[in-house]
Protein backbone atom coordinates (compact mmCIF):
# COMPACT_ATOMS: atom_id res chain seq x y z
CA MET A 1 63.64 264.48 58.58
CA LYS A 2 66.38 266.92 57.09
CA ALA A 3 66.17 269.11 53.88
CA GLN A 4 68.60 267.24 52.66
CA GLU A 5 67.20 264.09 52.76
CA VAL A 6 64.14 264.87 51.14
CA ARG A 7 66.57 267.14 48.43
CA ASP A 8 68.10 263.64 47.84
CA LEU A 9 64.47 261.70 47.59
CA THR A 10 63.14 261.48 43.68
CA SER A 11 59.78 262.92 43.14
CA LYS A 12 58.02 260.13 43.13
CA GLU A 13 59.48 259.32 46.57
CA ARG A 14 58.38 262.44 47.96
CA LEU A 15 54.75 261.98 47.00
CA GLU A 16 54.85 258.77 48.40
CA LYS A 17 56.56 260.21 51.52
CA ILE A 18 54.11 263.25 51.84
CA ASP A 19 50.82 260.57 51.83
CA ASP A 20 52.74 258.27 54.29
CA LEU A 21 53.51 261.19 56.81
CA SER A 22 49.74 262.66 56.08
CA GLN A 23 48.23 259.13 57.34
CA GLU A 24 50.17 258.98 60.23
CA TYR A 25 49.19 262.64 61.02
CA PHE A 26 45.88 262.02 60.71
CA ASN A 27 45.98 258.79 62.95
CA LEU A 28 47.39 260.63 65.54
CA ARG A 29 44.83 263.42 65.25
CA LEU A 30 42.43 260.77 65.76
CA GLN A 31 44.25 259.39 68.76
CA LEU A 32 44.23 263.25 70.18
CA THR A 33 40.59 263.20 70.05
CA THR A 34 39.86 260.34 71.67
CA GLY A 35 42.88 260.98 74.05
CA LYS A 36 44.89 257.59 73.71
CA ILE A 37 47.89 259.55 72.04
CA GLU A 38 51.50 258.62 73.35
CA ALA A 39 53.56 261.29 71.42
CA PRO A 40 51.65 264.24 70.96
CA GLY A 41 54.87 266.29 70.18
CA ARG A 42 54.90 263.77 67.00
CA LEU A 43 52.27 266.21 65.48
CA LYS A 44 54.05 268.93 65.25
CA LEU A 45 57.22 267.20 63.58
CA LEU A 46 54.89 265.77 61.35
CA ARG A 47 53.23 269.16 60.14
CA ARG A 48 56.87 270.27 59.78
CA ASP A 49 57.99 267.51 57.69
CA ILE A 50 54.98 267.35 55.53
CA ALA A 51 55.55 271.39 55.07
CA ARG A 52 59.22 270.53 53.93
CA LEU A 53 58.28 268.00 51.75
CA LYS A 54 56.09 270.37 50.40
CA THR A 55 58.30 273.24 50.12
CA ILE A 56 60.91 271.52 48.12
CA ILE A 57 58.62 269.63 45.96
CA LYS A 58 57.32 273.48 44.55
CA GLU A 59 60.89 274.36 44.79
CA SER A 60 61.98 271.77 42.17
CA GLY A 61 58.81 271.98 40.22
CA SER A 62 58.79 268.33 40.11
CA VAL A 63 54.99 268.12 40.87
CA GLU A 64 54.16 268.77 37.21
CA THR A 65 56.77 266.17 36.03
CA VAL A 66 54.96 264.02 37.91
CA LYS A 67 51.90 264.42 36.87
CA GLN A 68 52.37 264.50 33.40
CA GLY A 69 54.06 261.15 33.79
CA ALA A 70 50.87 259.48 35.34
CA GLU A 71 48.50 260.97 32.87
CA LEU A 72 50.79 259.38 29.79
CA ALA A 73 50.94 255.80 32.08
């Protein structure tokens, strides 16, 4: 996922994407320990995508706005 694609997402979509990628990363790490991983290179890509998302969220300061919106709901 490219940085521009991440910037085009809304704050909520970014957080959902982080959750999805984190879950996929966890599952791949589990496969790695059991020796049944099909694409070990995917781990590196997922780690970078998660970092990219978190960086852009921090740059935009959108975490606070999303958390405040969740508190109000």
